[in-house]
C-alpha atoms as a PDB file:
ATOM      1  CA  MET A   1     113.745 102.582  97.746  1.00  0.00           C
ATOM      2  CA  ALA A   2     117.255 101.311  98.475  1.00  0.00           C
ATOM      3  CA  ASP A   3     120.218 102.475  96.419  1.00  0.00           C
ATOM      4  CA  LYS A   4     121.207  98.844  95.741  1.00  0.00           C
ATOM      5  CA  PRO A   5     119.122  95.731  95.046  1.00  0.00           C
ATOM      6  CA  SER A   6     118.003  93.834  98.126  1.00  0.00           C
ATOM      7  CA  ARG A   7     118.310  90.114  98.750  1.00  0.00           C
ATOM      8  CA  SER A   8     115.280  88.320 100.091  1.00  0.00           C
ATOM      9  CA  LEU A   9     114.865  85.725 102.823  1.00  0.00           C
ATOM     10  CA  VAL A  10     111.347  84.286 103.161  1.00  0.00           C
ATOM     11  CA  LEU A  11     110.601  82.206 106.271  1.00  0.00           C
ATOM     12  CA  PHE A  12     107.295  80.408 105.738  1.00  0.00           C
ATOM     13  CA  GLY A  13     105.532  78.739 108.673  1.00  0.00           C
ATOM     14  CA  ASP A  14     103.032  76.445 106.954  1.00  0.00           C
ATOM     15  CA  GLY A  15      99.929  75.965 109.112  1.00  0.00           C
ATOM     16  CA  LEU A  16     101.511  77.595 112.174  1.00  0.00           C
ATOM     17  CA  ALA A  17      99.492  80.827 112.444  1.00  0.00           C
ATOM     18  CA  ARG A  18      96.986  79.530 114.993  1.00  0.00           C
ATOM     19  CA  PHE A  19      99.783  78.330 117.309  1.00  0.00           C
ATOM     20  CA  ILE A  20     101.650  81.613 117.851  1.00  0.00           C
ATOM     21  CA  ASP A  21     101.403  82.665 121.502  1.00  0.00           C
ATOM     22  CA  SER A  22     103.005  85.053 123.971  1.00  0.00           C
ATOM     23  CA  SER A  23     106.066  82.824 124.394  1.00  0.00           C
ATOM     24  CA  HIS A  24     107.187  83.415 120.799  1.00  0.00           C
ATOM     25  CA  SER A  25     108.960  86.649 121.615  1.00  0.00           C
ATOM     26  CA  HIS A  26     111.004  86.902 118.414  1.00  0.00           C
ATOM     27  CA  PHE A  27     107.856  86.863 116.272  1.00  0.00           C
ATOM     28  CA  HIS A  28     106.412  89.705 118.324  1.00  0.00           C
ATOM     29  CA  SER A  29     109.689  91.624 118.279  1.00  0.00           C
ATOM     30  CA  LEU A  30     109.744  91.372 114.489  1.00  0.00           C
ATOM     31  CA  ALA A  31     106.137  92.579 114.226  1.00  0.00           C
ATOM     32  CA  SER A  32     106.992  95.640 116.328  1.00  0.00           C
ATOM     33  CA  LEU A  33     109.664  96.635 113.793  1.00  0.00           C
ATOM     34  CA  SER A  34     107.911  95.634 110.593  1.00  0.00           C
ATOM     35  CA  SER A  35     105.253  96.421 108.068  1.00  0.00           C
ATOM     36  CA  CYS A  36     102.513  93.875 108.760  1.00  0.00           C
ATOM     37  CA  GLY A  37      99.402  92.640 107.006  1.00  0.00           C
ATOM     38  CA  PHE A  38      97.599  89.790 105.286  1.00  0.00           C
ATOM     39  CA  LEU A  39      97.842  87.765 102.080  1.00  0.00           C
ATOM     40  CA  SER A  40      94.435  86.538 100.885  1.00  0.00           C
ATOM     41  CA  LEU A  41      94.040  83.071  99.385  1.00  0.00           C
ATOM     42  CA  PRO A  42      91.470  81.432  97.096  1.00  0.00           C
ATOM     43  CA  ASN A  43      89.045  78.888  98.518  1.00  0.00           C
ATOM     44  CA  SER A  44      90.317  75.345  99.013  1.00  0.00           C
ATOM     45  CA  PRO A  45      89.113  72.728  96.516  1.00  0.00           C
ATOM     46  CA  PRO A  46      86.890  69.989  97.967  1.00  0.00           C
ATOM     47  CA  SER A  47      88.593  66.807  99.174  1.00  0.00           C
ATOM     48  CA  GLU A  48      92.040  68.376  99.031  1.00  0.00           C
ATOM     49  CA  SER A  49      94.767  66.438 100.842  1.00  0.00           C
ATOM     50  CA  GLU A  50      97.194  68.111 103.245  1.00  0.00           C
ATOM     51  CA  ASP A  51     100.032  67.590 100.765  1.00  0.00           C
ATOM     52  CA  GLU A  52      98.011  69.117  97.925  1.00  0.00           C
ATOM     53  CA  ARG A  53      97.080  72.094 100.083  1.00  0.00           C
ATOM     54  CA  THR A  54     100.722  72.728 100.944  1.00  0.00           C
ATOM     55  CA  VAL A  55     101.863  72.818  97.327  1.00  0.00           C
ATOM     56  CA  ARG A  56      98.831  74.762  96.098  1.00  0.00           C
ATOM     57  CA  GLU A  57      99.219  77.518  98.695  1.00  0.00           C
ATOM     58  CA  VAL A  58     102.916  77.910  97.911  1.00  0.00           C
ATOM     59  CA  ALA A  59     101.977  77.998  94.220  1.00  0.00           C
ATOM     60  CA  VAL A  60      99.591  80.874  94.952  1.00  0.00           C
ATOM     61  CA  LEU A  61     102.278  82.635  96.970  1.00  0.00           C
ATOM     62  CA  LEU A  62     104.660  82.345  94.017  1.00  0.00           C
ATOM     63  CA  ASP A  63     101.980  83.270  91.436  1.00  0.00           C
ATOM     64  CA  ALA A  64     102.542  79.926  89.732  1.00  0.00           C
ATOM     65  CA  CYS A  65      99.120  78.269  89.788  1.00  0.00           C
ATOM     66  CA  PRO A  66      99.134  77.400  86.043  1.00  0.00           C
ATOM     67  CA  ILE A  67     102.246  75.273  86.569  1.00  0.00           C
ATOM     68  CA  TYR A  68     100.702  73.641  89.640  1.00  0.00           C
ATOM     69  CA  LEU A  69      97.478  72.837  87.773  1.00  0.00           C
ATOM     70  CA  ASN A  70      99.439  71.331  84.878  1.00  0.00           C
ATOM     71  CA  MET A  71     101.705  69.157  87.014  1.00  0.00           C
ATOM     72  CA  GLY A  72     101.574  65.619  85.700  1.00  0.00           C
ATOM     73  CA  LYS A  73      99.677  66.592  82.560  1.00  0.00           C
ATOM     74  CA  ILE A  74     102.799  67.327  80.520  1.00  0.00           C
ATOM     75  CA  SER A  75     105.501  64.700  80.371  1.00  0.00           C
ATOM     76  CA  ASP A  76     109.164  65.588  80.388  1.00  0.00           C
ATOM     77  CA  SER A  77     109.445  64.207  76.852  1.00  0.00           C
ATOM     78  CA  ASP A  78     106.840  66.598  75.445  1.00  0.00           C
ATOM     79  CA  ASN A  79     108.136  69.429  73.316  1.00  0.00           C
ATOM     80  CA  GLN A  80     108.227  72.517  75.508  1.00  0.00           C
ATOM     81  CA  GLU A  81     109.716  74.937  72.961  1.00  0.00           C
ATOM     82  CA  ASP A  82     106.391  76.629  72.183  1.00  0.00           C
ATOM     83  CA  SER A  83     105.165  76.795  75.799  1.00  0.00           C
ATOM     84  CA  PRO A  84     105.419  80.103  77.656  1.00  0.00           C
ATOM     85  CA  LYS A  85     108.456  80.574  79.868  1.00  0.00           C
ATOM     86  CA  GLN A  86     107.231  80.343  83.455  1.00  0.00           C
ATOM     87  CA  THR A  87     110.312  79.776  85.584  1.00  0.00           C
ATOM     88  CA  LEU A  88     111.478  82.427  88.024  1.00  0.00           C
ATOM     89  CA  PRO A  89     114.588  83.317  85.983  1.00  0.00           C
ATOM     90  CA  ASP A  90     112.403  83.780  82.890  1.00  0.00           C
ATOM     91  CA  ARG A  91     109.793  85.892  84.638  1.00  0.00           C
ATOM     92  CA  PHE A  92     112.040  87.944  86.888  1.00  0.00           C
ATOM     93  CA  MET A  93     115.173  88.985  85.010  1.00  0.00           C
ATOM     94  CA  GLY A  94     117.340  85.984  85.808  1.00  0.00           C
ATOM     95  CA  MET A  95     116.406  85.748  89.487  1.00  0.00           C
ATOM     96  CA  LYS A  96     118.419  83.071  91.302  1.00  0.00           C
ATOM     97  CA  ALA A  97     116.291  81.398  93.956  1.00  0.00           C
ATOM     98  CA  ALA A  98     116.705  78.503  96.364  1.00  0.00           C
ATOM     99  CA  ILE A  99     114.161  76.629  98.461  1.00  0.00           C
ATOM    100  CA  LEU A 100     114.609  74.456 101.525  1.00  0.00           C
ATOM    101  CA  THR A 101     111.779  72.072 102.442  1.00  0.00           C
ATOM    102  CA  ASN A 102     111.209  68.483 103.518  1.00  0.00           C
ATOM    103  CA  ASN A 103     108.026  68.166 101.464  1.00  0.00           C
ATOM    104  CA  SER A 104     108.817  65.977  98.443  1.00  0.00           C
ATOM    105  CA  SER A 105     105.900  67.286  96.342  1.00  0.00           C
ATOM    106  CA  LEU A 106     106.949  70.860  97.011  1.00  0.00           C
ATOM    107  CA  LYS A 107     110.508  69.988  96.007  1.00  0.00           C
ATOM    108  CA  SER A 108     109.324  68.677  92.618  1.00  0.00           C
ATOM    109  CA  PHE A 109     107.085  71.671  92.057  1.00  0.00           C
ATOM    110  CA  SER A 110     109.809  74.153  93.010  1.00  0.00           C
ATOM    111  CA  ALA A 111     112.272  72.537  90.623  1.00  0.00           C
ATOM    112  CA  LYS A 112     109.805  73.130  87.779  1.00  0.00           C
ATOM    113  CA  LEU A 113     109.780  76.818  88.756  1.00  0.00           C
ATOM    114  CA  GLY A 114     113.544  77.068  88.454  1.00  0.00           C
ATOM    115  CA  PHE A 115     114.404  76.950  92.149  1.00  0.00           C
ATOM    116  CA  SER A 116     117.607  75.334  93.305  1.00  0.00           C
ATOM    117  CA  VAL A 117     116.220  72.711  95.696  1.00  0.00           C
ATOM    118  CA  LEU A 118     118.581  72.419  98.658  1.00  0.00           C
ATOM    119  CA  LYS A 119     118.624  69.674 101.266  1.00  0.00           C
ATOM    120  CA  LEU A 120     116.940  70.975 104.385  1.00  0.00           C
ATOM    121  CA  ASP A 121     117.934  68.000 106.556  1.00  0.00           C
ATOM    122  CA  GLU A 122     121.640  68.559 105.958  1.00  0.00           C
ATOM    123  CA  LEU A 123     121.277  72.190 107.001  1.00  0.00           C
ATOM    124  CA  VAL A 124     119.042  71.702 110.034  1.00  0.00           C
ATOM    125  CA  VAL A 125     120.120  68.413 111.635  1.00  0.00           C
ATOM    126  CA  GLY A 126     122.678  68.986 114.351  1.00  0.00           C
ATOM    127  CA  GLY A 127     122.555  72.758 114.052  1.00  0.00           C
ATOM    128  CA  SER A 128     120.796  75.242 116.310  1.00  0.00           C
ATOM    129  CA  ALA A 129     118.343  77.723 114.825  1.00  0.00           C
ATOM    130  CA  GLU A 130     120.992  80.427 115.230  1.00  0.00           C
ATOM    131  CA  VAL A 131     123.501  78.402 113.216  1.00  0.00           C
ATOM    132  CA  VAL A 132     120.893  77.679 110.533  1.00  0.00           C
ATOM    133  CA  ALA A 133     120.100  81.405 110.353  1.00  0.00           C
ATOM    134  CA  LEU A 134     123.757  82.114 109.565  1.00  0.00           C
ATOM    135  CA  GLU A 135     123.740  79.410 106.872  1.00  0.00           C
ATOM    136  CA  LEU A 136     120.625  80.886 105.257  1.00  0.00           C
ATOM    137  CA  LEU A 137     122.243  84.323 105.210  1.00  0.00           C
ATOM    138  CA  LYS A 138     125.395  82.822 103.729  1.00  0.00           C
ATOM    139  CA  LEU A 139     123.315  81.509 100.801  1.00  0.00           C
ATOM    140  CA  LEU A 140     122.325  85.146 100.162  1.00  0.00           C
ATOM    141  CA  GLY A 141     125.920  86.336 100.232  1.00  0.00           C
ATOM    142  CA  PHE A 142     125.910  87.679 103.805  1.00  0.00           C
ATOM    143  CA  GLN A 143     128.906  86.404 105.693  1.00  0.00           C
ATOM    144  CA  GLU A 144     130.686  87.676 108.800  1.00  0.00           C
ATOM    145  CA  GLY A 145     128.836  90.962 108.572  1.00  0.00           C
ATOM    146  CA  LYS A 146     129.879  91.553 104.983  1.00  0.00           C
ATOM    147  CA  VAL A 147     127.915  91.573 101.725  1.00  0.00           C
ATOM    148  CA  LEU A 148     129.558  89.458  99.034  1.00  0.00           C
ATOM    149  CA  ASP A 149     128.939  90.515  95.436  1.00  0.00           C
ATOM    150  CA  SER A 150     129.270  87.108  93.766  1.00  0.00           C
ATOM    151  CA  ASP A 151     128.094  83.531  94.173  1.00  0.00           C
ATOM    152  CA  HIS A 152     124.824  84.213  95.993  1.00  0.00           C
ATOM    153  CA  PHE A 153     121.094  83.689  95.594  1.00  0.00           C
ATOM    154  CA  ASP A 154     118.720  86.618  95.184  1.00  0.00           C
ATOM    155  CA  LEU A 155     115.941  84.806  97.059  1.00  0.00           C
ATOM    156  CA  VAL A 156     115.977  82.017  99.652  1.00  0.00           C
ATOM    157  CA  PHE A 157     112.645  80.427 100.633  1.00  0.00           C
ATOM    158  CA  PHE A 158     112.587  78.380 103.849  1.00  0.00           C
ATOM    159  CA  HIS A 159     109.485  76.186 104.287  1.00  0.00           C
ATOM    160  CA  ASN A 160     108.665  74.668 107.654  1.00  0.00           C
ATOM    161  CA  GLY A 161     105.542  73.196 109.225  1.00  0.00           C
ATOM    162  CA  ALA A 162     102.529  71.323 107.849  1.00  0.00           C
ATOM    163  CA  GLY A 163     103.511  68.415 110.065  1.00  0.00           C
ATOM    164  CA  GLU A 164     101.602  66.258 112.500  1.00  0.00           C
ATOM    165  CA  GLN A 165      99.865  67.946 115.418  1.00  0.00           C
ATOM    166  CA  LYS A 166     102.386  66.564 117.906  1.00  0.00           C
ATOM    167  CA  VAL A 167     105.303  68.285 116.185  1.00  0.00           C
ATOM    168  CA  VAL A 168     103.593  71.647 115.649  1.00  0.00           C
ATOM    169  CA  ALA A 169     104.880  73.022 118.960  1.00  0.00           C
ATOM    170  CA  ALA A 170     108.426  72.058 118.035  1.00  0.00           C
ATOM    171  CA  ASP A 171     108.052  73.626 114.568  1.00  0.00           C
ATOM    172  CA  MET A 172     106.701  76.825 116.077  1.00  0.00           C
ATOM    173  CA  GLY A 173     109.481  77.049 118.648  1.00  0.00           C
ATOM    174  CA  TYR A 174     112.081  76.410 115.987  1.00  0.00           C
ATOM    175  CA  MET A 175     110.649  79.091 113.694  1.00  0.00           C
ATOM    176  CA  ASP A 176     110.647  81.602 116.545  1.00  0.00           C
ATOM    177  CA  ALA A 177     114.311  80.892 117.291  1.00  0.00           C
ATOM    178  CA  LEU A 178     115.129  81.093 113.587  1.00  0.00           C
ATOM    179  CA  VAL A 179     113.479  84.524 113.317  1.00  0.00           C
ATOM    180  CA  GLY A 180     115.518  85.629 116.327  1.00  0.00           C
ATOM    181  CA  GLY A 181     118.718  84.308 114.781  1.00  0.00           C
ATOM    182  CA  VAL A 182     118.175  86.276 111.578  1.00  0.00           C
ATOM    183  CA  MET A 183     117.169  89.438 113.422  1.00  0.00           C
ATOM    184  CA  SER A 184     120.326  89.324 115.535  1.00  0.00           C
ATOM    185  CA  GLN A 185     122.347  89.754 112.313  1.00  0.00           C
ATOM    186  CA  MET A 186     120.264  92.723 111.135  1.00  0.00           C
ATOM    187  CA  GLN A 187     121.613  95.361 113.487  1.00  0.00           C
ATOM    188  CA  PRO A 188     120.621  98.904 112.441  1.00  0.00           C
ATOM    189  CA  GLY A 189     123.319 100.555 110.375  1.00  0.00           C
ATOM    190  CA  SER A 190     124.970  97.277 109.362  1.00  0.00           C
ATOM    191  CA  ASP A 191     125.513  96.300 105.748  1.00  0.00           C
ATOM    192  CA  ILE A 192     123.225  93.302 106.184  1.00  0.00           C
ATOM    193  CA  SER A 193     120.308  95.337 107.589  1.00  0.00           C
ATOM    194  CA  SER A 194     120.314  97.653 104.577  1.00  0.00           C
ATOM    195  CA  ARG A 195     120.427  94.864 101.986  1.00  0.00           C
ATOM    196  CA  LEU A 196     118.402  92.011 103.526  1.00  0.00           C
ATOM    197  CA  HIS A 197     114.641  92.064 102.968  1.00  0.00           C
ATOM    198  CA  LEU A 198     113.115  89.667 105.509  1.00  0.00           C
ATOM    199  CA  SER A 199     109.589  88.291 105.075  1.00  0.00           C
ATOM    200  CA  VAL A 200     108.040  86.046 107.712  1.00  0.00           C
ATOM    201  CA  VAL A 201     104.816  84.456 106.463  1.00  0.00           C
ATOM    202  CA  VAL A 202     102.579  82.067 108.391  1.00  0.00           C
ATOM    203  CA  SER A 203      99.407  80.370 107.212  1.00  0.00           C
ATOM    204  CA  TYR A 204      96.468  78.721 108.978  1.00  0.00           C
ATOM    205  CA  GLY A 205      96.698  75.480 107.020  1.00  0.00           C
ATOM    206  CA  ASN A 206      93.480  73.477 106.912  1.00  0.00           C
ATOM    207  CA  ILE A 207      90.347  75.500 107.667  1.00  0.00           C
ATOM    208  CA  LEU A 208      88.501  74.735 110.891  1.00  0.00           C
ATOM    209  CA  GLU A 209      84.902  75.377 111.894  1.00  0.00           C
ATOM    210  CA  GLY A 210      84.472  78.971 113.001  1.00  0.00           C
ATOM    211  CA  ASP A 211      87.517  80.329 111.167  1.00  0.00           C
ATOM    212  CA  ASP A 212      85.279  82.353 108.859  1.00  0.00           C
ATOM    213  CA  SER A 213      84.070  84.463 111.783  1.00  0.00           C
ATOM    214  CA  LYS A 214      87.266  84.542 113.878  1.00  0.00           C
ATOM    215  CA  PHE A 215      89.703  85.433 111.105  1.00  0.00           C
ATOM    216  CA  SER A 216      87.667  87.483 108.633  1.00  0.00           C
ATOM    217  CA  VAL A 217      89.453  90.279 106.735  1.00  0.00           C
ATOM    218  CA  SER A 218      86.285  91.443 104.991  1.00  0.00           C
ATOM    219  CA  LYS A 219      84.842  94.755 106.126  1.00  0.00           C
ATOM    220  CA  ARG A 220      81.183  94.054 106.674  1.00  0.00           C
ATOM    221  CA  VAL A 221      78.363  96.509 106.115  1.00  0.00           C
ATOM    222  CA  ASP A 222      76.311  97.270 109.222  1.00  0.00           C
ATOM    223  CA  GLU A 223      73.492  94.726 109.253  1.00  0.00           C
ATOM    224  CA  LYS A 224      71.009  97.482 110.102  1.00  0.00           C
ATOM    225  CA  ASN A 225      71.913  99.146 106.817  1.00  0.00           C
ATOM    226  CA  SER A 226      72.175  95.994 104.741  1.00  0.00           C
ATOM    227  CA  HIS A 227      70.321  97.670 101.872  1.00  0.00           C
ATOM    228  CA  LEU A 228      73.490  99.721 101.345  1.00  0.00           C
ATOM    229  CA  SER A 229      75.569  96.594 100.650  1.00  0.00           C
ATOM    230  CA  VAL A 230      75.153  96.986  96.887  1.00  0.00           C
ATOM    231  CA  LEU A 231      76.869 100.371  97.148  1.00  0.00           C
ATOM    232  CA  TYR A 232      79.765  99.096  99.241  1.00  0.00           C
ATOM    233  CA  PRO A 233      82.834  98.693  96.996  1.00  0.00           C
ATOM    234  CA  LEU A 234      84.871  95.517  96.847  1.00  0.00           C
ATOM    235  CA  GLN A 235      88.178  95.759  98.684  1.00  0.00           C
ATOM    236  CA  SER A 236      91.272  95.857  96.496  1.00  0.00           C
ATOM    237  CA  TYR A 237      92.408  92.328  97.375  1.00  0.00           C
ATOM    238  CA  ALA A 238      89.182  91.055  95.782  1.00  0.00           C
ATOM    239  CA  MET A 239      89.957  92.791  92.477  1.00  0.00           C
ATOM    240  CA  LYS A 240      92.391  92.144  89.636  1.00  0.00           C
ATOM    241  CA  GLY A 241      92.756  94.515  86.693  1.00  0.00           C
ATOM    242  CA  GLY A 242      89.620  96.335  87.775  1.00  0.00           C
ATOM    243  CA  ILE A 243      87.570  93.109  87.603  1.00  0.00           C
ATOM    244  CA  PRO A 244      86.291  91.214  90.661  1.00  0.00           C
ATOM    245  CA  ARG A 245      88.248  88.029  91.333  1.00  0.00           C
ATOM    246  CA  LYS A 246      86.121  84.921  90.928  1.00  0.00           C
ATOM    247  CA  ASP A 247      87.571  82.989  93.846  1.00  0.00           C
ATOM    248  CA  VAL A 248      88.537  84.819  97.049  1.00  0.00           C
ATOM    249  CA  ARG A 249      88.522  83.452 100.580  1.00  0.00           C
ATOM    250  CA  HIS A 250      87.696  86.364 102.857  1.00  0.00           C
ATOM    251  CA  TYR A 251      89.046  84.719 106.005  1.00  0.00           C
ATOM    252  CA  SER A 252      92.074  82.824 107.331  1.00  0.00           C
ATOM    253  CA  PRO A 253      94.648  84.716 105.252  1.00  0.00           C
ATOM    254  CA  MET A 254      98.386  84.314 105.551  1.00  0.00           C
ATOM    255  CA  LEU A 255      99.931  86.671 108.100  1.00  0.00           C
ATOM    256  CA  ILE A 256     103.017  88.536 106.920  1.00  0.00           C
ATOM    257  CA  ALA A 257     105.604  90.797 108.544  1.00  0.00           C
ATOM    258  CA  GLN A 258     108.346  92.390 106.420  1.00  0.00           C
ATOM    259  CA  TRP A 259     111.418  94.227 107.621  1.00  0.00           C
ATOM    260  CA  GLN A 260     114.344  95.931 105.960  1.00  0.00           C
ATOM    261  CA  SER A 261     116.163  98.860 107.508  1.00  0.00           C
ATOM    262  CA  ALA A 262     115.257 102.196 105.889  1.00  0.00           C
ATOM    263  CA  VAL A 263     113.114 100.447 103.246  1.00  0.00           C
ATOM    264  CA  THR A 264     109.985  99.030 104.894  1.00  0.00           C
ATOM    265  CA  ARG A 265     107.703 101.415 106.755  1.00  0.00           C
ATOM    266  CA  LYS A 266     107.016 100.498 110.375  1.00  0.00           C
ATOM    267  CA  ASP A 267     103.343 100.416 111.349  1.00  0.00           C
ATOM    268  CA  ASN A 268     101.701 100.313 114.787  1.00  0.00           C
ATOM    269  CA  ALA A 269     101.505  96.535 115.187  1.00  0.00           C
ATOM    270  CA  GLU A 270     103.279  95.275 118.293  1.00  0.00           C
ATOM    271  CA  ARG A 271     102.356  91.588 118.258  1.00  0.00           C
ATOM    272  CA  PHE A 272     102.395  88.938 115.561  1.00  0.00           C
ATOM    273  CA  SER A 273      98.683  88.123 115.681  1.00  0.00           C
ATOM    274  CA  PHE A 274      95.615  88.336 113.490  1.00  0.00           C
ATOM    275  CA  GLU A 275      93.924  90.786 115.852  1.00  0.00           C
ATOM    276  CA  ASP A 276      96.889  93.165 116.067  1.00  0.00           C
ATOM    277  CA  PHE A 277      97.518  93.082 112.300  1.00  0.00           C
ATOM    278  CA  MET A 278      93.824  93.751 111.680  1.00  0.00           C
ATOM    279  CA  GLU A 279      93.802  96.718 114.043  1.00  0.00           C
ATOM    280  CA  HIS A 280      97.277  98.188 113.559  1.00  0.00           C
ATOM    281  CA  GLY A 281      98.876  96.602 110.471  1.00  0.00           C
ATOM    282  CA  GLY A 282      99.973  98.946 107.701  1.00  0.00           C
ATOM    283  CA  ASN A 283      99.697  96.634 104.696  1.00  0.00           C
ATOM    284  CA  LEU A 284      96.048  95.607 105.173  1.00  0.00           C
ATOM    285  CA  THR A 285      95.253  92.758 102.727  1.00  0.00           C
ATOM    286  CA  ILE A 286      96.743  92.000  99.309  1.00  0.00           C
ATOM    287  CA  PRO A 287      96.233  88.881  97.167  1.00  0.00           C
ATOM    288  CA  ALA A 288      98.830  86.223  97.953  1.00  0.00           C
ATOM    289  CA  ASP A 289      99.676  85.897  94.250  1.00  0.00           C
ATOM    290  CA  ARG A 290     101.106  89.454  94.326  1.00  0.00           C
ATOM    291  CA  PHE A 291     103.618  88.628  97.069  1.00  0.00           C
ATOM    292  CA  LEU A 292     106.462  87.497  94.807  1.00  0.00           C
ATOM    293  CA  HIS A 293     106.021  90.504  92.518  1.00  0.00           C
ATOM    294  CA  GLU A 294     106.498  92.818  95.503  1.00  0.00           C
ATOM    295  CA  ILE A 295     109.611  90.905  96.539  1.00  0.00           C
ATOM    296  CA  ALA A 296     111.006  90.971  93.003  1.00  0.00           C
ATOM    297  CA  PHE A 297     110.629  94.755  92.945  1.00  0.00           C
ATOM    298  CA  LYS A 298     112.839  95.027  96.045  1.00  0.00           C
ATOM    299  CA  LEU A 299     115.405  92.846  94.258  1.00  0.00           C
ATOM    300  CA  TRP A 300     115.297  95.092  91.162  1.00  0.00           C
ATOM    301  CA  LYS A 301     113.860  92.156  89.198  1.00  0.00           C
ATOM    302  CA  ALA A 302     110.379  93.533  88.439  1.00  0.00           C
ATOM    303  CA  PRO A 303     108.479  96.820  88.146  1.00  0.00           C
ATOM    304  CA  LYS A 304     106.447  98.042  91.106  1.00  0.00           C
ATOM    305  CA  TYR A 305     103.088  96.340  91.618  1.00  0.00           C
ATOM    306  CA  GLY A 306     100.261  98.505  92.906  1.00  0.00           C
ATOM    307  CA  ALA A 307     100.568 101.832  94.694  1.00  0.00           C
END
């Protein structure tokens, strides 16, 4: 545990997981330094649009599904005084958070959660990924190698991807450069490296045929001993409060790598891939709705979740 609260940068590649290849060297470099694993998601509702999937999966990641499910059901004029406080500042000790995205539905949803919704186009257009990385760090109070103690966000969430197929390659290349730009500022021993908690999360987006066999995180009982399946315990990601979760997708999880100098524990993963995380990742699988609670703990905004 750090001796001062961390500040969190989350880079989320929406639907980009299946497009990471050997050319994305910064992703692989990050994995080799990080604690890696998976975030399990619930099953997708039938007839879900791409836009709905994007917002729902971010809602799961932020443990804010009740707000997502109630979007549009409660008008702004309704009396909210008796409703439970569900914004990030209410839930996490005044946490100040910002989000950058081009998705209009995600902007509206994030505003309901108490995010400051910043204009992604103004930050990205005309600026290289390295310049954007510096701007993101500046939002967290990291500037010119120094850590400022005032006028900063605790959490910055950068959402990219979920675009048309023809722009996926450009999104993936941009995300790789962005990861490299942030990592270049996190030199070991620097003030930034000891205070910045970096999470890079990528999802598979819409499920394709065969994903359930290619990207399964479920440990399967040997078919020859299938009669033992009733004795095989559920994995922890499929449980909540000691009770089995009702809706768990056992494949196509989000991939996550987290790095903070002297805080995160390096595992044996060397590449940012499903196969390497499955074989060598240290975090195994946790439910995606626990992600923000883990982050908040690093920011001194929540008690520790889990072990």
